[in-house]
N, C-alpha and C. Protein backbone atom coordinates (compact mmCIF):
# COMPACT_ATOMS: atom_id res chain seq x y z
N UNK A 1 0.84 -1.16 0.00
CA UNK A 1 0.00 0.00 0.00
C UNK A 1 0.90 1.24 0.00
N UNK A 2 0.69 2.18 -0.91
CA UNK A 2 1.54 3.36 -0.96
C UNK A 2 1.30 4.28 0.24
N UNK A 3 2.32 5.04 0.55
CA UNK A 3 2.22 5.99 1.67
C UNK A 3 1.25 7.11 1.30
N UNK A 4 0.55 7.66 2.28
CA UNK A 4 -0.37 8.76 1.98
C UNK A 4 0.41 9.98 1.48
N UNK A 5 -0.22 10.68 0.56
CA UNK A 5 0.39 11.87 -0.03
C UNK A 5 0.39 13.01 0.97
N UNK A 6 1.43 13.78 0.96
CA UNK A 6 1.52 14.97 1.81
C UNK A 6 1.08 16.18 1.00
N UNK A 7 0.41 17.09 1.67
CA UNK A 7 0.01 18.33 1.02
C UNK A 7 1.24 19.15 0.72
N UNK A 8 1.21 19.82 -0.39
CA UNK A 8 2.31 20.70 -0.77
C UNK A 8 2.02 22.10 -0.28
N UNK A 9 3.00 22.91 -0.20
CA UNK A 9 2.82 24.30 0.15
C UNK A 9 3.03 24.56 1.63
N UNK A 10 2.61 25.74 2.04
CA UNK A 10 2.84 26.19 3.40
C UNK A 10 2.14 25.34 4.44
N UNK A 11 0.87 25.00 4.17
CA UNK A 11 0.12 24.20 5.15
C UNK A 11 0.70 22.80 5.28
N UNK A 12 1.20 22.27 4.18
CA UNK A 12 1.83 20.95 4.24
C UNK A 12 3.08 20.94 5.10
N UNK A 13 3.85 22.03 5.02
CA UNK A 13 5.05 22.13 5.86
C UNK A 13 4.69 22.26 7.33
N UNK A 14 3.65 23.03 7.62
CA UNK A 14 3.23 23.17 9.01
C UNK A 14 2.65 21.87 9.56
N UNK A 15 1.93 21.13 8.73
CA UNK A 15 1.42 19.83 9.16
C UNK A 15 2.57 18.85 9.40
N UNK A 16 3.60 18.92 8.57
CA UNK A 16 4.76 18.05 8.76
C UNK A 16 5.48 18.40 10.06
N UNK A 17 5.49 19.67 10.43
CA UNK A 17 6.12 20.07 11.67
C UNK A 17 5.42 19.45 12.87
N UNK A 18 4.13 19.30 12.79
CA UNK A 18 3.37 18.72 13.90
C UNK A 18 3.40 17.19 13.92
N UNK A 19 3.81 16.58 12.82
CA UNK A 19 3.82 15.12 12.71
C UNK A 19 5.22 14.59 13.04
N UNK A 20 5.38 13.87 14.15
CA UNK A 20 6.71 13.37 14.50
C UNK A 20 7.24 12.30 13.55
N UNK A 21 6.36 11.70 12.74
CA UNK A 21 6.81 10.67 11.81
C UNK A 21 7.14 11.22 10.43
N UNK A 22 6.98 12.52 10.25
CA UNK A 22 7.29 13.15 8.97
C UNK A 22 8.81 13.20 8.79
N UNK A 23 9.25 13.26 7.55
CA UNK A 23 10.69 13.37 7.31
C UNK A 23 11.26 14.63 7.97
N UNK A 24 12.47 14.50 8.49
CA UNK A 24 13.05 15.63 9.23
C UNK A 24 13.30 16.84 8.33
N UNK A 25 13.49 16.61 7.03
CA UNK A 25 13.70 17.76 6.14
C UNK A 25 12.43 18.60 6.03
N UNK A 26 11.26 17.95 5.97
CA UNK A 26 10.00 18.70 5.93
C UNK A 26 9.72 19.38 7.27
N UNK A 27 10.03 18.69 8.37
CA UNK A 27 9.83 19.30 9.68
C UNK A 27 10.74 20.51 9.87
N UNK A 28 11.95 20.42 9.35
CA UNK A 28 12.89 21.53 9.45
C UNK A 28 12.41 22.72 8.64
N UNK A 29 11.91 22.46 7.45
CA UNK A 29 11.37 23.57 6.64
C UNK A 29 10.14 24.18 7.29
N UNK A 30 9.31 23.36 7.93
CA UNK A 30 8.15 23.88 8.66
C UNK A 30 8.56 24.73 9.85
N UNK A 31 9.61 24.30 10.56
CA UNK A 31 10.10 25.09 11.68
C UNK A 31 10.66 26.42 11.20
N UNK A 32 11.35 26.42 10.08
CA UNK A 32 11.87 27.67 9.52
C UNK A 32 10.74 28.59 9.08
N UNK A 33 9.70 28.03 8.53
CA UNK A 33 8.54 28.83 8.14
C UNK A 33 7.89 29.46 9.37
N UNK A 34 7.70 28.68 10.41
CA UNK A 34 7.10 29.18 11.65
C UNK A 34 7.96 30.26 12.29
N UNK A 35 9.27 30.03 12.38
CA UNK A 35 10.16 31.01 12.99
C UNK A 35 10.23 32.29 12.16
N UNK A 36 10.28 32.16 10.85
CA UNK A 36 10.30 33.35 10.00
C UNK A 36 9.01 34.14 10.12
N UNK A 37 7.89 33.44 10.20
CA UNK A 37 6.61 34.13 10.38
C UNK A 37 6.58 34.90 11.70
N UNK A 38 7.05 34.26 12.78
CA UNK A 38 7.09 34.95 14.07
C UNK A 38 7.97 36.18 14.01
N UNK A 39 9.13 36.05 13.38
CA UNK A 39 10.07 37.17 13.30
C UNK A 39 9.49 38.32 12.50
N UNK A 40 8.87 38.04 11.37
CA UNK A 40 8.30 39.10 10.53
C UNK A 40 7.09 39.74 11.22
N UNK A 41 6.21 38.93 11.78
CA UNK A 41 5.02 39.47 12.44
C UNK A 41 5.39 40.35 13.63
N UNK A 42 6.24 39.85 14.49
CA UNK A 42 6.60 40.62 15.67
C UNK A 42 7.47 41.81 15.33
N UNK A 43 8.32 41.69 14.31
CA UNK A 43 9.10 42.83 13.86
C UNK A 43 8.20 43.93 13.31
N UNK A 44 7.15 43.55 12.59
CA UNK A 44 6.21 44.54 12.07
C UNK A 44 5.44 45.23 13.19
N UNK A 45 5.04 44.47 14.20
CA UNK A 45 4.35 45.07 15.34
C UNK A 45 5.29 46.01 16.10
N UNK A 46 6.54 45.63 16.25
CA UNK A 46 7.51 46.51 16.91
C UNK A 46 7.72 47.79 16.10
N UNK A 47 7.73 47.66 14.78
CA UNK A 47 7.87 48.84 13.93
C UNK A 47 6.70 49.80 14.13
N UNK A 48 5.49 49.25 14.22
CA UNK A 48 4.32 50.09 14.47
C UNK A 48 4.33 50.68 15.88
N UNK A 49 4.78 49.91 16.84
CA UNK A 49 4.84 50.40 18.22
C UNK A 49 5.89 51.50 18.39
N UNK A 50 6.88 51.52 17.53
CA UNK A 50 7.94 52.53 17.63
C UNK A 50 7.38 53.94 17.51
N UNK A 51 6.24 54.08 16.87
CA UNK A 51 5.64 55.39 16.69
C UNK A 51 4.82 55.85 17.89
N UNK A 52 4.40 54.91 18.73
CA UNK A 52 3.49 55.29 19.82
C UNK A 52 4.04 55.04 21.22
N UNK A 53 5.06 54.22 21.37
CA UNK A 53 5.58 53.91 22.70
C UNK A 53 6.40 55.11 23.20
N UNK A 54 6.06 55.63 24.38
CA UNK A 54 6.83 56.77 24.90
C UNK A 54 8.22 56.33 25.36
N UNK A 55 9.14 57.24 25.35
CA UNK A 55 10.49 56.95 25.82
C UNK A 55 10.53 57.12 27.33
N UNK A 56 11.13 56.17 28.00
CA UNK A 56 11.25 56.23 29.45
C UNK A 56 12.64 55.75 29.82
N UNK A 57 13.28 56.45 30.70
CA UNK A 57 14.62 56.05 31.09
C UNK A 57 14.65 55.89 32.61
N UNK A 58 14.71 54.65 33.03
CA UNK A 58 14.74 54.37 34.45
C UNK A 58 15.60 53.13 34.66
N UNK A 59 16.48 53.13 35.63
CA UNK A 59 17.37 51.97 35.84
C UNK A 59 16.61 50.67 36.12
N UNK A 60 15.46 50.78 36.76
CA UNK A 60 14.70 49.56 37.06
C UNK A 60 14.14 48.92 35.79
N UNK A 61 13.91 49.70 34.75
CA UNK A 61 13.45 49.12 33.49
C UNK A 61 14.54 48.25 32.87
N UNK A 62 15.78 48.65 33.02
CA UNK A 62 16.88 47.81 32.54
C UNK A 62 16.90 46.49 33.31
N UNK A 63 16.74 46.56 34.61
CA UNK A 63 16.72 45.35 35.42
C UNK A 63 15.54 44.46 35.04
N UNK A 64 14.38 45.07 34.80
CA UNK A 64 13.20 44.31 34.39
C UNK A 64 13.44 43.64 33.04
N UNK A 65 14.04 44.35 32.11
CA UNK A 65 14.29 43.80 30.79
C UNK A 65 15.25 42.62 30.86
N UNK A 66 16.35 42.78 31.57
CA UNK A 66 17.32 41.69 31.66
C UNK A 66 16.79 40.52 32.48
N UNK A 67 16.05 40.82 33.54
CA UNK A 67 15.44 39.75 34.33
C UNK A 67 14.40 38.97 33.54
N UNK A 68 13.57 39.69 32.78
CA UNK A 68 12.57 39.01 31.95
C UNK A 68 13.20 38.17 30.85
N UNK A 69 14.30 38.67 30.27
CA UNK A 69 14.99 37.91 29.23
C UNK A 69 15.59 36.63 29.81
N UNK A 70 16.20 36.74 30.98
CA UNK A 70 16.75 35.54 31.61
C UNK A 70 15.66 34.55 31.97
N UNK A 71 14.53 35.04 32.44
CA UNK A 71 13.42 34.15 32.77
C UNK A 71 12.94 33.39 31.53
N UNK A 72 12.81 34.09 30.40
CA UNK A 72 12.37 33.41 29.17
C UNK A 72 13.40 32.39 28.70
N UNK A 73 14.68 32.73 28.81
CA UNK A 73 15.72 31.76 28.44
C UNK A 73 15.68 30.53 29.36
N UNK A 74 15.48 30.76 30.65
CA UNK A 74 15.38 29.63 31.59
C UNK A 74 14.15 28.79 31.30
N UNK A 75 13.06 29.40 30.88
CA UNK A 75 11.86 28.64 30.50
C UNK A 75 12.15 27.74 29.30
N UNK A 76 12.90 28.27 28.33
CA UNK A 76 13.25 27.46 27.16
C UNK A 76 14.15 26.30 27.56
N UNK A 77 15.13 26.57 28.41
CA UNK A 77 16.02 25.49 28.87
C UNK A 77 15.26 24.45 29.68
N UNK A 78 14.33 24.90 30.51
CA UNK A 78 13.53 23.96 31.29
C UNK A 78 12.64 23.12 30.37
N UNK A 79 12.18 23.71 29.29
CA UNK A 79 11.37 22.96 28.33
C UNK A 79 12.20 21.85 27.69
N UNK A 80 13.47 22.12 27.41
CA UNK A 80 14.34 21.08 26.85
C UNK A 80 14.55 19.96 27.86
N UNK A 81 14.78 20.33 29.11
CA UNK A 81 15.02 19.29 30.12
C UNK A 81 13.77 18.48 30.42
N UNK A 82 12.64 19.16 30.52
CA UNK A 82 11.40 18.51 30.94
C UNK A 82 10.79 17.68 29.81
N UNK A 83 10.82 18.21 28.60
CA UNK A 83 10.11 17.56 27.49
C UNK A 83 11.02 17.39 26.29
N UNK A 84 12.27 17.06 26.50
CA UNK A 84 13.26 17.02 25.44
C UNK A 84 12.90 16.10 24.28
N UNK A 85 12.27 15.00 24.54
CA UNK A 85 11.96 14.04 23.48
C UNK A 85 10.56 14.22 22.89
N UNK A 86 9.79 15.15 23.42
CA UNK A 86 8.46 15.39 22.88
C UNK A 86 8.59 16.05 21.50
N UNK A 87 7.77 15.66 20.54
CA UNK A 87 7.93 16.19 19.18
C UNK A 87 7.65 17.69 19.03
N UNK A 88 6.88 18.27 19.93
CA UNK A 88 6.56 19.69 19.81
C UNK A 88 7.48 20.60 20.60
N UNK A 89 8.48 20.05 21.26
CA UNK A 89 9.39 20.88 22.05
C UNK A 89 10.13 21.91 21.20
N UNK A 90 10.66 21.57 20.02
CA UNK A 90 11.32 22.62 19.21
C UNK A 90 10.36 23.75 18.84
N UNK A 91 9.12 23.43 18.58
CA UNK A 91 8.13 24.45 18.26
C UNK A 91 7.88 25.37 19.46
N UNK A 92 7.79 24.77 20.64
CA UNK A 92 7.58 25.55 21.86
C UNK A 92 8.78 26.45 22.15
N UNK A 93 9.99 25.94 21.92
CA UNK A 93 11.19 26.72 22.20
C UNK A 93 11.32 27.89 21.22
N UNK A 94 10.96 27.69 19.97
CA UNK A 94 10.97 28.80 19.01
C UNK A 94 9.93 29.84 19.41
N UNK A 95 8.80 29.41 19.92
CA UNK A 95 7.80 30.36 20.41
C UNK A 95 8.31 31.18 21.59
N UNK A 96 9.04 30.53 22.48
CA UNK A 96 9.64 31.27 23.60
C UNK A 96 10.72 32.23 23.08
N UNK A 97 11.42 31.84 22.03
CA UNK A 97 12.39 32.76 21.42
C UNK A 97 11.70 33.96 20.81
N UNK A 98 10.53 33.74 20.21
CA UNK A 98 9.75 34.86 19.68
C UNK A 98 9.28 35.78 20.79
N UNK A 99 8.89 35.21 21.92
CA UNK A 99 8.48 36.02 23.06
C UNK A 99 9.67 36.83 23.60
N UNK A 100 10.84 36.22 23.61
CA UNK A 100 12.05 36.92 24.04
C UNK A 100 12.34 38.09 23.13
N UNK A 101 12.26 37.88 21.82
CA UNK A 101 12.51 38.95 20.85
C UNK A 101 11.51 40.09 21.03
N UNK A 102 10.24 39.77 21.18
CA UNK A 102 9.23 40.81 21.29
C UNK A 102 9.37 41.57 22.62
N UNK A 103 9.58 40.85 23.71
CA UNK A 103 9.71 41.49 25.01
C UNK A 103 10.90 42.45 25.03
N UNK A 104 12.05 41.98 24.57
CA UNK A 104 13.21 42.85 24.57
C UNK A 104 13.07 43.97 23.54
N UNK A 105 12.33 43.74 22.49
CA UNK A 105 12.07 44.80 21.52
C UNK A 105 11.24 45.92 22.12
N UNK A 106 10.19 45.56 22.85
CA UNK A 106 9.36 46.58 23.49
C UNK A 106 10.15 47.31 24.57
N UNK A 107 10.92 46.58 25.35
CA UNK A 107 11.73 47.24 26.38
C UNK A 107 12.79 48.13 25.72
N UNK A 108 13.31 47.70 24.60
CA UNK A 108 14.27 48.54 23.88
C UNK A 108 13.64 49.81 23.36
N UNK A 109 12.38 49.74 22.94
CA UNK A 109 11.68 50.95 22.51
C UNK A 109 11.46 51.90 23.68
N UNK A 110 11.16 51.36 24.84
CA UNK A 110 10.99 52.21 26.02
C UNK A 110 12.28 52.92 26.40
N UNK A 111 13.38 52.22 26.30
CA UNK A 111 14.67 52.74 26.75
C UNK A 111 15.51 53.30 25.60
N UNK A 112 14.89 53.66 24.53
CA UNK A 112 15.59 54.16 23.35
C UNK A 112 16.39 55.40 23.69
N UNK A 113 17.53 55.65 23.19
CA UNK A 113 18.34 55.02 22.16
C UNK A 113 19.25 53.91 22.70
N UNK A 114 19.53 53.92 24.01
CA UNK A 114 20.37 52.86 24.56
C UNK A 114 19.71 51.50 24.51
N UNK A 115 18.40 51.48 24.40
CA UNK A 115 17.65 50.23 24.34
C UNK A 115 17.84 49.47 23.05
N UNK A 116 18.52 50.08 22.08
CA UNK A 116 18.80 49.36 20.85
C UNK A 116 19.62 48.10 21.14
N UNK A 117 20.43 48.15 22.18
CA UNK A 117 21.20 46.97 22.59
C UNK A 117 20.27 45.85 23.05
N UNK A 118 19.17 46.21 23.70
CA UNK A 118 18.20 45.19 24.09
C UNK A 118 17.55 44.55 22.87
N UNK A 119 17.26 45.37 21.87
CA UNK A 119 16.69 44.83 20.63
C UNK A 119 17.65 43.82 20.01
N UNK A 120 18.93 44.18 19.94
CA UNK A 120 19.93 43.25 19.38
C UNK A 120 20.06 41.99 20.23
N UNK A 121 19.97 42.15 21.53
CA UNK A 121 20.03 40.99 22.43
C UNK A 121 18.83 40.07 22.20
N UNK A 122 17.67 40.66 21.95
CA UNK A 122 16.48 39.87 21.64
C UNK A 122 16.62 39.10 20.34
N UNK A 123 17.20 39.74 19.33
CA UNK A 123 17.43 39.06 18.05
C UNK A 123 18.41 37.90 18.24
N UNK A 124 19.49 38.14 18.99
CA UNK A 124 20.46 37.07 19.23
C UNK A 124 19.86 35.92 20.02
N UNK A 125 19.03 36.22 21.03
CA UNK A 125 18.37 35.16 21.79
C UNK A 125 17.42 34.35 20.93
N UNK A 126 16.68 35.03 20.06
CA UNK A 126 15.76 34.34 19.16
C UNK A 126 16.54 33.42 18.21
N UNK A 127 17.61 33.94 17.64
CA UNK A 127 18.41 33.13 16.71
C UNK A 127 19.06 31.94 17.41
N UNK A 128 19.49 32.13 18.66
CA UNK A 128 20.07 31.03 19.43
C UNK A 128 19.03 29.92 19.65
N UNK A 129 17.84 30.29 20.11
CA UNK A 129 16.82 29.27 20.38
C UNK A 129 16.33 28.61 19.09
N UNK A 130 16.28 29.38 18.01
CA UNK A 130 15.89 28.83 16.71
C UNK A 130 16.92 27.81 16.24
N UNK A 131 18.20 28.16 16.30
CA UNK A 131 19.22 27.22 15.83
C UNK A 131 19.28 25.99 16.72
N UNK A 132 19.05 26.16 18.01
CA UNK A 132 19.04 25.00 18.89
C UNK A 132 17.88 24.08 18.57
N UNK A 133 16.74 24.65 18.22
CA UNK A 133 15.59 23.83 17.83
C UNK A 133 15.86 23.09 16.53
N UNK A 134 16.52 23.76 15.59
CA UNK A 134 16.85 23.09 14.32
C UNK A 134 17.81 21.94 14.56
N UNK A 135 18.81 22.14 15.41
CA UNK A 135 19.75 21.06 15.71
C UNK A 135 19.04 19.89 16.37
N UNK A 136 18.06 20.17 17.24
CA UNK A 136 17.32 19.09 17.89
C UNK A 136 16.49 18.31 16.87
N UNK A 137 15.90 19.02 15.91
CA UNK A 137 15.13 18.32 14.87
C UNK A 137 16.04 17.45 14.00
N UNK A 138 17.21 17.95 13.66
CA UNK A 138 18.14 17.18 12.84
C UNK A 138 18.69 15.98 13.59
N UNK A 139 18.84 16.09 14.89
CA UNK A 139 19.38 14.98 15.69
C UNK A 139 18.38 13.85 15.84
N UNK A 140 17.09 14.10 15.59
CA UNK A 140 16.05 13.07 15.80
C UNK A 140 15.81 12.18 14.61
N UNK A 141 16.54 12.34 13.57
CA UNK A 141 16.34 11.54 12.36
C UNK A 141 16.00 10.16 12.68
């Protein structure tokens, strides 16, 4: 009996991402699609927020931004430890990376112009969690 056909296109890639028995190449492309969508969507929202978010400079906001970023990174690490073999863990970790990017982006807008460093830190954290998720998907072949 032949294997069932997979849908082509964007929805097919996202369905493959949710299917642990799908080929890892399709799951990897689905993860890249999901991560790229998160990055573009949240980047666009940050661009729109740049026009309306007031500038505020307070040392406690820096502490809040760095503390929140560390908390999100620890949540991602705990997700790897707690559910490392679950098929949706890479998807969850990329989502936490998107939350890290957005949170630090908003805090960077509040603390502008020095907050640009927070924005860059958010991008680096997102890329780190994304690449770690891709490596986990490739290791599960």
